[in-house]
Protein backbone atom coordinates (compact mmCIF):
# COMPACT_ATOMS: atom_id res chain seq x y z
CA UNK A 1 -81.37 -29.31 1.96
CA UNK A 2 -78.98 -30.82 4.50
CA UNK A 3 -76.59 -33.52 3.29
CA UNK A 4 -74.28 -36.04 4.96
CA UNK A 5 -72.14 -38.43 2.93
CA UNK A 6 -70.08 -41.47 3.89
CA UNK A 7 -66.35 -41.59 3.18
CA UNK A 8 -66.63 -44.74 1.06
CA UNK A 9 -69.51 -45.29 -1.35
CA UNK A 10 -70.48 -48.51 0.42
CA UNK A 11 -69.45 -50.33 3.62
CA UNK A 12 -67.18 -53.36 3.55
CA UNK A 13 -69.99 -55.63 4.72
CA UNK A 14 -73.59 -55.21 3.61
CA UNK A 15 -75.86 -53.94 6.36
CA UNK A 16 -73.07 -52.20 8.28
CA UNK A 17 -71.81 -48.64 8.33
CA UNK A 18 -73.81 -45.64 7.13
CA UNK A 19 -75.57 -44.97 3.80
CA UNK A 20 -73.58 -43.41 0.97
CA UNK A 21 -75.61 -40.21 1.30
CA UNK A 22 -78.40 -38.97 3.53
CA UNK A 23 -80.51 -35.91 2.68
CA UNK A 24 -82.95 -34.04 4.92
CA UNK A 25 -85.30 -31.19 4.14
CA UNK A 26 -85.88 -29.73 7.62
CA UNK A 27 -89.25 -28.41 8.71
CA UNK A 28 -87.58 -25.63 10.71
CA UNK A 29 -84.33 -23.95 9.74
CA UNK A 30 -82.55 -21.14 11.57
CA UNK A 31 -79.55 -19.69 9.73
CA UNK A 32 -77.23 -16.72 10.09
CA UNK A 33 -74.89 -14.85 7.78
CA UNK A 34 -73.03 -11.94 9.28
CA UNK A 35 -75.48 -9.95 11.41
CA UNK A 36 -78.60 -11.22 9.66
CA UNK A 37 -80.65 -14.26 10.71
CA UNK A 38 -83.40 -16.15 8.90
CA UNK A 39 -86.03 -18.49 10.30
CA UNK A 40 -87.59 -20.73 7.65
CA UNK A 41 -90.59 -23.05 7.87
CA UNK A 42 -91.18 -25.82 5.32
CA UNK A 43 -94.87 -26.82 5.06
CA UNK A 44 -97.16 -28.11 2.33
CA UNK A 45 -100.24 -25.93 1.88
CA UNK A 46 -103.65 -27.58 1.74
CA UNK A 47 -106.60 -28.43 3.95
CA UNK A 48 -106.23 -26.66 7.29
CA UNK A 49 -102.70 -25.53 6.44
CA UNK A 50 -103.10 -22.11 4.81
CA UNK A 51 -100.64 -19.35 4.04
CA UNK A 52 -102.05 -17.41 6.99
CA UNK A 53 -101.64 -20.31 9.43
CA UNK A 54 -98.06 -20.87 8.28
CA UNK A 55 -97.26 -17.17 8.73
CA UNK A 56 -98.76 -17.26 12.23
CA UNK A 57 -96.79 -20.40 13.12
CA UNK A 58 -93.60 -18.78 11.85
CA UNK A 59 -94.25 -15.60 13.86
CA UNK A 60 -95.01 -17.52 17.08
CA UNK A 61 -91.81 -19.58 16.78
CA UNK A 62 -89.76 -16.44 16.14
CA UNK A 63 -91.23 -14.86 19.28
CA UNK A 64 -90.45 -17.98 21.32
CA UNK A 65 -86.85 -18.08 20.10
CA UNK A 66 -86.35 -14.41 20.96
CA UNK A 67 -87.08 -15.17 24.64
CA UNK A 68 -84.41 -17.87 24.94
CA UNK A 69 -81.10 -17.00 26.63
CA UNK A 70 -78.22 -16.54 24.21
CA UNK A 71 -76.07 -18.96 26.24
CA UNK A 72 -78.03 -21.28 28.59
CA UNK A 73 -74.86 -22.38 30.39
CA UNK A 74 -74.08 -18.76 31.24
CA UNK A 75 -77.32 -18.63 33.26
CA UNK A 76 -76.48 -21.27 35.80
CA UNK A 77 -77.32 -24.33 33.72
CA UNK A 78 -73.72 -25.49 33.26
CA UNK A 79 -72.82 -28.88 34.62
CA UNK A 80 -69.57 -30.67 35.12
CA UNK A 81 -68.46 -32.79 32.21
CA UNK A 82 -68.82 -36.57 32.38
CA UNK A 83 -66.11 -38.83 33.69
CA UNK A 84 -64.26 -41.17 31.37
CA UNK A 85 -64.35 -44.75 32.68
CA UNK A 86 -62.24 -46.29 29.94
CA UNK A 87 -60.25 -45.22 26.88
CA UNK A 88 -59.35 -47.83 24.28
CA UNK A 89 -55.68 -48.18 23.38
CA UNK A 90 -54.82 -47.43 19.76
CA UNK A 91 -51.07 -46.72 19.67
CA UNK A 92 -49.74 -50.25 19.08
CA UNK A 93 -52.01 -51.06 16.16
CA UNK A 94 -51.53 -47.64 14.62
CA UNK A 95 -47.75 -47.83 14.91
CA UNK A 96 -47.71 -51.04 12.89
CA UNK A 97 -50.03 -49.62 10.22
CA UNK A 98 -47.94 -46.44 9.94
CA UNK A 99 -44.73 -48.43 9.41
CA UNK A 100 -46.38 -50.46 6.67
CA UNK A 101 -47.77 -47.32 5.03
CA UNK A 102 -44.40 -45.57 5.14
CA UNK A 103 -42.91 -48.58 3.39
CA UNK A 104 -45.41 -48.08 0.56
CA UNK A 105 -44.46 -44.40 0.36
CA UNK A 106 -40.72 -45.06 0.38
CA UNK A 107 -41.12 -47.71 -2.34
CA UNK A 108 -42.97 -45.21 -4.54
CA UNK A 109 -46.29 -47.09 -4.61
CA UNK A 110 -47.97 -44.16 -2.86
CA UNK A 111 -47.08 -40.47 -2.70
CA UNK A 112 -49.21 -39.94 0.40
CA UNK A 113 -51.54 -41.86 2.69
CA UNK A 114 -53.70 -40.43 5.47
CA UNK A 115 -54.13 -43.13 8.10
CA UNK A 116 -56.77 -42.62 10.77
CA UNK A 117 -57.27 -44.17 14.18
CA UNK A 118 -60.43 -44.63 16.23
CA UNK A 119 -60.52 -44.33 20.01
CA UNK A 120 -63.51 -45.54 22.03
CA UNK A 121 -64.38 -43.75 25.27
CA UNK A 122 -66.74 -45.21 27.85
CA UNK A 123 -68.35 -42.46 29.95
CA UNK A 124 -69.95 -42.61 33.36
CA UNK A 125 -73.13 -40.97 32.11
CA UNK A 126 -74.93 -40.39 28.81
CA UNK A 127 -74.12 -37.13 27.04
CA UNK A 128 -76.55 -34.57 25.66
CA UNK A 129 -75.51 -33.86 22.04
CA UNK A 130 -76.79 -30.30 22.25
CA UNK A 131 -74.61 -29.64 25.30
CA UNK A 132 -71.59 -31.01 23.41
CA UNK A 133 -72.43 -28.70 20.52
CA UNK A 134 -72.58 -25.80 22.95
CA UNK A 135 -69.08 -26.67 24.20
CA UNK A 136 -67.79 -26.69 20.62
CA UNK A 137 -69.38 -23.32 19.86
CA UNK A 138 -67.46 -21.71 22.71
CA UNK A 139 -64.16 -23.55 22.30
CA UNK A 140 -63.87 -23.82 18.51
CA UNK A 141 -65.14 -20.50 17.10
CA UNK A 142 -63.01 -20.63 13.95
CA UNK A 143 -64.39 -23.95 12.71
CA UNK A 144 -67.73 -25.13 11.37
CA UNK A 145 -69.52 -26.89 14.22
CA UNK A 146 -72.00 -29.57 13.22
CA UNK A 147 -74.43 -32.03 14.79
CA UNK A 148 -76.07 -34.73 12.65
CA UNK A 149 -78.70 -36.72 14.52
CA UNK A 150 -81.36 -38.57 12.54
CA UNK A 151 -82.44 -40.88 15.37
CA UNK A 152 -82.39 -40.70 19.18
CA UNK A 153 -79.35 -42.09 20.96
CA UNK A 154 -76.85 -41.63 18.13
CA UNK A 155 -75.24 -38.44 16.86
CA UNK A 156 -72.29 -37.32 14.77
CA UNK A 157 -70.73 -34.20 16.26
CA UNK A 158 -67.63 -32.22 15.41
CA UNK A 159 -65.94 -28.94 14.52
CA UNK A 160 -64.46 -29.05 11.04
CA UNK A 161 -61.71 -26.61 10.01
CA UNK A 162 -61.74 -27.87 6.40
CA UNK A 163 -64.01 -26.62 3.61
CA UNK A 164 -64.44 -29.05 0.71
CA UNK A 165 -66.29 -26.39 -1.25
CA UNK A 166 -68.50 -23.37 -0.78
CA UNK A 167 -70.56 -21.70 -3.49
CA UNK A 168 -71.90 -18.16 -3.15
CA UNK A 169 -73.45 -16.31 -6.10
CA UNK A 170 -71.47 -18.21 -8.70
CA UNK A 171 -68.14 -18.11 -6.86
CA UNK A 172 -66.51 -21.32 -5.63
CA UNK A 173 -64.00 -21.72 -2.83
CA UNK A 174 -62.17 -24.82 -1.64
CA UNK A 175 -59.61 -25.02 1.18
CA UNK A 176 -56.36 -26.94 1.14
CA UNK A 177 -55.61 -27.73 4.77
CA UNK A 178 -52.66 -29.96 5.67
CA UNK A 179 -49.88 -29.66 8.23
CA UNK A 180 -50.60 -29.44 11.96
CA UNK A 181 -48.94 -27.99 15.05
CA UNK A 182 -50.24 -27.05 18.53
CA UNK A 183 -50.78 -23.45 19.56
CA UNK A 184 -47.63 -22.21 21.25
CA UNK A 185 -45.26 -24.19 19.05
CA UNK A 186 -42.35 -22.25 17.47
CA UNK A 187 -43.63 -20.01 14.69
CA UNK A 188 -41.46 -21.68 12.09
CA UNK A 189 -42.50 -25.25 12.92
CA UNK A 190 -45.00 -25.40 10.04
CA UNK A 191 -43.85 -22.68 7.65
CA UNK A 192 -40.27 -23.95 7.81
CA UNK A 193 -41.03 -27.68 7.76
CA UNK A 194 -40.04 -29.38 4.51
CA UNK A 195 -42.27 -32.36 5.26
CA UNK A 196 -45.36 -30.29 6.13
CA UNK A 197 -44.94 -27.93 3.16
CA UNK A 198 -44.61 -30.90 0.81
CA UNK A 199 -47.67 -32.60 2.29
CA UNK A 200 -49.63 -29.35 1.97
CA UNK A 201 -48.59 -28.71 -1.62
CA UNK A 202 -49.80 -32.18 -2.65
CA UNK A 203 -53.29 -31.20 -1.48
CA UNK A 204 -53.16 -27.83 -3.26
CA UNK A 205 -52.04 -29.42 -6.52
CA UNK A 206 -54.72 -32.12 -6.39
CA UNK A 207 -57.60 -29.68 -5.76
CA UNK A 208 -56.33 -27.33 -8.47
CA UNK A 209 -56.03 -30.20 -10.94
CA UNK A 210 -59.56 -31.48 -10.26
CA UNK A 211 -61.09 -28.03 -10.75
CA UNK A 212 -59.10 -27.50 -13.95
CA UNK A 213 -60.17 -30.87 -15.33
CA UNK A 214 -63.78 -29.83 -14.70
CA UNK A 215 -63.44 -26.71 -16.82
CA UNK A 216 -62.75 -24.14 -14.09
CA UNK A 217 -59.83 -21.73 -13.74
CA UNK A 218 -58.71 -21.98 -10.12
CA UNK A 219 -56.80 -19.19 -8.40
CA UNK A 220 -54.56 -19.60 -5.36
CA UNK A 221 -52.05 -17.55 -3.36
CA UNK A 222 -48.42 -18.41 -3.97
CA UNK A 223 -47.67 -19.39 -0.36
CA UNK A 224 -49.79 -21.01 2.37
CA UNK A 225 -50.83 -19.08 5.44
CA UNK A 226 -51.23 -20.19 9.04
CA UNK A 227 -54.80 -20.77 10.19
CA UNK A 228 -55.77 -21.24 13.81
CA UNK A 229 -58.62 -23.58 14.73
CA UNK A 230 -59.04 -23.90 18.47
CA UNK A 231 -55.77 -25.21 19.93
CA UNK A 232 -54.27 -26.22 16.57
CA UNK A 233 -52.46 -24.44 13.75
CA UNK A 234 -52.65 -25.58 10.13
CA UNK A 235 -51.12 -24.66 6.81
CA UNK A 236 -53.98 -23.24 4.77
CA UNK A 237 -54.35 -22.27 1.10
CA UNK A 238 -57.73 -20.99 -0.15
CA UNK A 239 -58.48 -21.89 -3.77
CA UNK A 240 -61.16 -19.94 -5.65
CA UNK A 241 -62.78 -20.05 -9.09
CA UNK A 242 -65.77 -18.79 -11.06
CA UNK A 243 -68.37 -21.55 -11.07
CA UNK A 244 -69.27 -21.03 -14.75
CA UNK A 245 -72.51 -22.96 -14.48
CA UNK A 246 -70.99 -26.12 -13.00
CA UNK A 247 -73.09 -28.12 -10.52
CA UNK A 248 -71.75 -27.90 -6.93
CA UNK A 249 -72.54 -31.51 -6.05
CA UNK A 250 -70.82 -32.79 -9.20
CA UNK A 251 -67.71 -30.82 -8.24
CA UNK A 252 -67.93 -32.15 -4.68
CA UNK A 253 -68.01 -35.71 -6.04
CA UNK A 254 -64.91 -34.94 -8.13
CA UNK A 255 -63.04 -33.38 -5.20
CA UNK A 256 -63.84 -35.98 -2.52
CA UNK A 257 -61.73 -37.34 -1.03
CA UNK A 258 -58.88 -34.85 -1.28
CA UNK A 259 -55.31 -35.94 -0.42
CA UNK A 260 -55.82 -34.19 2.93
CA UNK A 261 -57.96 -37.12 4.11
CA UNK A 262 -57.12 -40.01 1.75
CA UNK A 263 -53.86 -39.91 -0.19
CA UNK A 264 -52.26 -40.07 -3.64
CA UNK A 265 -52.84 -41.66 -6.05
CA UNK A 266 -56.46 -41.61 -4.90
CA UNK A 267 -57.59 -45.07 -6.05
CA UNK A 268 -54.57 -46.87 -4.63
CA UNK A 269 -54.75 -44.88 -1.40
CA UNK A 270 -58.44 -45.73 -0.90
CA UNK A 271 -57.68 -49.42 -1.36
CA UNK A 272 -54.88 -49.32 1.22
CA UNK A 273 -57.10 -47.47 3.71
CA UNK A 274 -59.55 -50.35 3.47
CA UNK A 275 -56.69 -52.75 4.22
CA UNK A 276 -54.87 -50.86 6.99
CA UNK A 277 -57.70 -49.25 8.97
CA UNK A 278 -59.55 -51.85 11.11
CA UNK A 279 -62.82 -49.90 11.24
CA UNK A 280 -65.44 -48.34 8.98
CA UNK A 281 -64.84 -44.63 8.49
CA UNK A 282 -68.56 -43.97 8.10
CA UNK A 283 -69.12 -40.20 8.08
CA UNK A 284 -65.57 -39.46 9.20
CA UNK A 285 -63.69 -37.23 6.68
CA UNK A 286 -66.71 -37.22 4.32
CA UNK A 287 -68.63 -34.14 3.13
CA UNK A 288 -71.38 -32.74 5.35
CA UNK A 289 -73.33 -29.53 4.77
CA UNK A 290 -76.15 -28.02 2.73
CA UNK A 291 -77.30 -26.85 -0.69
CA UNK A 292 -80.18 -24.47 -1.40
CA UNK A 293 -82.57 -23.88 -4.28
CA UNK A 294 -80.36 -21.11 -5.69
CA UNK A 295 -77.37 -23.43 -6.04
CA UNK A 296 -75.43 -21.93 -3.15
CA UNK A 297 -73.80 -24.60 -1.01
CA UNK A 298 -71.42 -25.27 1.86
CA UNK A 299 -69.83 -28.69 2.30
CA UNK A 300 -67.32 -29.30 5.07
CA UNK A 301 -65.07 -32.29 5.62
CA UNK A 302 -66.24 -34.11 8.77
CA UNK A 303 -62.92 -34.28 10.61
CA UNK A 304 -62.35 -33.41 14.30
CA UNK A 305 -65.48 -35.42 14.89
CA UNK A 306 -66.92 -38.20 16.99
CA UNK A 307 -69.97 -40.43 17.10
CA UNK A 308 -72.00 -40.51 20.31
CA UNK A 309 -74.03 -43.59 21.26
CA UNK A 310 -75.38 -43.24 24.78
CA UNK A 311 -72.40 -43.54 27.13
CA UNK A 312 -70.03 -44.50 24.31
CA UNK A 313 -68.12 -41.91 22.30
CA UNK A 314 -66.05 -42.85 19.24
CA UNK A 315 -63.37 -40.31 18.27
CA UNK A 316 -61.47 -40.49 14.98
CA UNK A 317 -58.34 -38.64 13.88
CA UNK A 318 -55.62 -39.14 11.31
CA UNK A 319 -52.26 -37.92 10.00
CA UNK A 320 -50.77 -37.60 6.52
CA UNK A 321 -47.80 -39.82 5.67
CA UNK A 322 -45.33 -38.71 3.00
CA UNK A 323 -41.62 -39.19 2.42
CA UNK A 324 -39.88 -37.69 5.40
CA UNK A 325 -42.61 -38.70 7.84
CA UNK A 326 -41.50 -40.30 11.10
CA UNK A 327 -43.61 -42.88 12.92
CA UNK A 328 -43.35 -41.35 16.39
CA UNK A 329 -44.10 -37.85 15.11
CA UNK A 330 -47.26 -39.08 13.36
CA UNK A 331 -48.40 -40.84 16.53
CA UNK A 332 -47.90 -37.63 18.47
CA UNK A 333 -49.91 -35.67 15.89
CA UNK A 334 -52.84 -38.09 16.13
CA UNK A 335 -52.67 -38.01 19.95
CA UNK A 336 -52.68 -34.22 19.78
CA UNK A 337 -55.82 -34.16 17.63
CA UNK A 338 -57.63 -36.69 19.84
CA UNK A 339 -56.65 -34.76 22.95
CA UNK A 340 -57.79 -31.42 21.54
CA UNK A 341 -61.17 -32.88 20.58
CA UNK A 342 -61.66 -34.32 24.07
CA UNK A 343 -60.68 -30.99 25.58
CA UNK A 344 -63.18 -29.16 23.38
CA UNK A 345 -65.92 -31.54 24.50
CA UNK A 346 -65.00 -30.84 28.16
CA UNK A 347 -63.85 -34.40 28.83
CA UNK A 348 -61.32 -34.73 31.65
CA UNK A 349 -57.76 -36.09 31.50
CA UNK A 350 -57.34 -35.77 27.75
CA UNK A 351 -53.54 -36.11 28.05
CA UNK A 352 -53.06 -33.31 25.54
CA UNK A 353 -49.51 -33.20 24.14
CA UNK A 354 -47.95 -29.77 24.31
CA UNK A 355 -45.55 -29.93 21.37
CA UNK A 356 -44.73 -31.85 18.27
CA UNK A 357 -41.10 -32.51 17.39
CA UNK A 358 -39.78 -30.56 14.45
CA UNK A 359 -39.23 -32.33 11.17
CA UNK A 360 -35.53 -32.85 10.46
CA UNK A 361 -33.99 -30.09 8.32
CA UNK A 362 -32.95 -32.57 5.62
CA UNK A 363 -35.95 -34.78 5.01
CA UNK A 364 -35.76 -37.77 2.72
CA UNK A 365 -36.11 -36.87 -0.99
CA UNK A 366 -39.67 -36.65 -2.29
């Protein structure tokens, strides 16, 4: 079963935003793990639909898929990306919100807040969601690429580097991912950054605490590693545990939202996000993925994502604010993430920043 959640349980105004959760049992499902692929067909038997007819339908579809080119754009079907007619300005409003949020952090009301910004792009032609997904497959191989389209003309698309949880044969894994730098930045920019290490450790501690409170015994490496996702580097700590009969969706509800996308303390941070962000997050930074009949599951956090509506594309990105954060550095991080996403979608003139300034050696006390 495929699942897509919203970041908040309900929208600010009734009748707006997206539902708290959407679930789909697809008729056709093509999946791959390692070098093995599975094609599944979901049908109800009865009447003219027999086991034999389903087997024949499955075989015919498998034969049709085997004749398709592995990369249509490699066979002369590639087209130039669309032009961007207009990009909305977000810096001024975000700068004011960041300053207010940093005041809350410095006063001790919050330990962390992850403020997001939304940028609207008007394109000169409608985009094909499947073509965008193809771009992401080539340009973001280390992330989980996703396309969620329940009705024509509107689609959520992205490439998430962050795993909320994965369950395989009774083993659980969650990823703490916080701290960002562009590829090509000095190697010590993240590993040696007091601010980024502190921000990252808050996420690790929160995930570990949630799993422990739910009766699990989480394991984690002592130090974070660097993980590359497309043109960005992140601090990454994998956290694992034996599932011990716990329900994956119940654990997902306990974990979401992690401090990587909301803040600490969680309740207070969620309330301030409602106040400081002038838009509905919708699916942004919420879980998206699947669960099967055996209890195995994969839920990703829907960041590095955008919503496509005809010729309009909404992109959302955020940055974590802790003590030691600097307003201009956070603006540059958000601009970097927006630029990378536009570059991955083959949109021109993304104004991609090349570097982020280093955090000062002596950051403010935590």
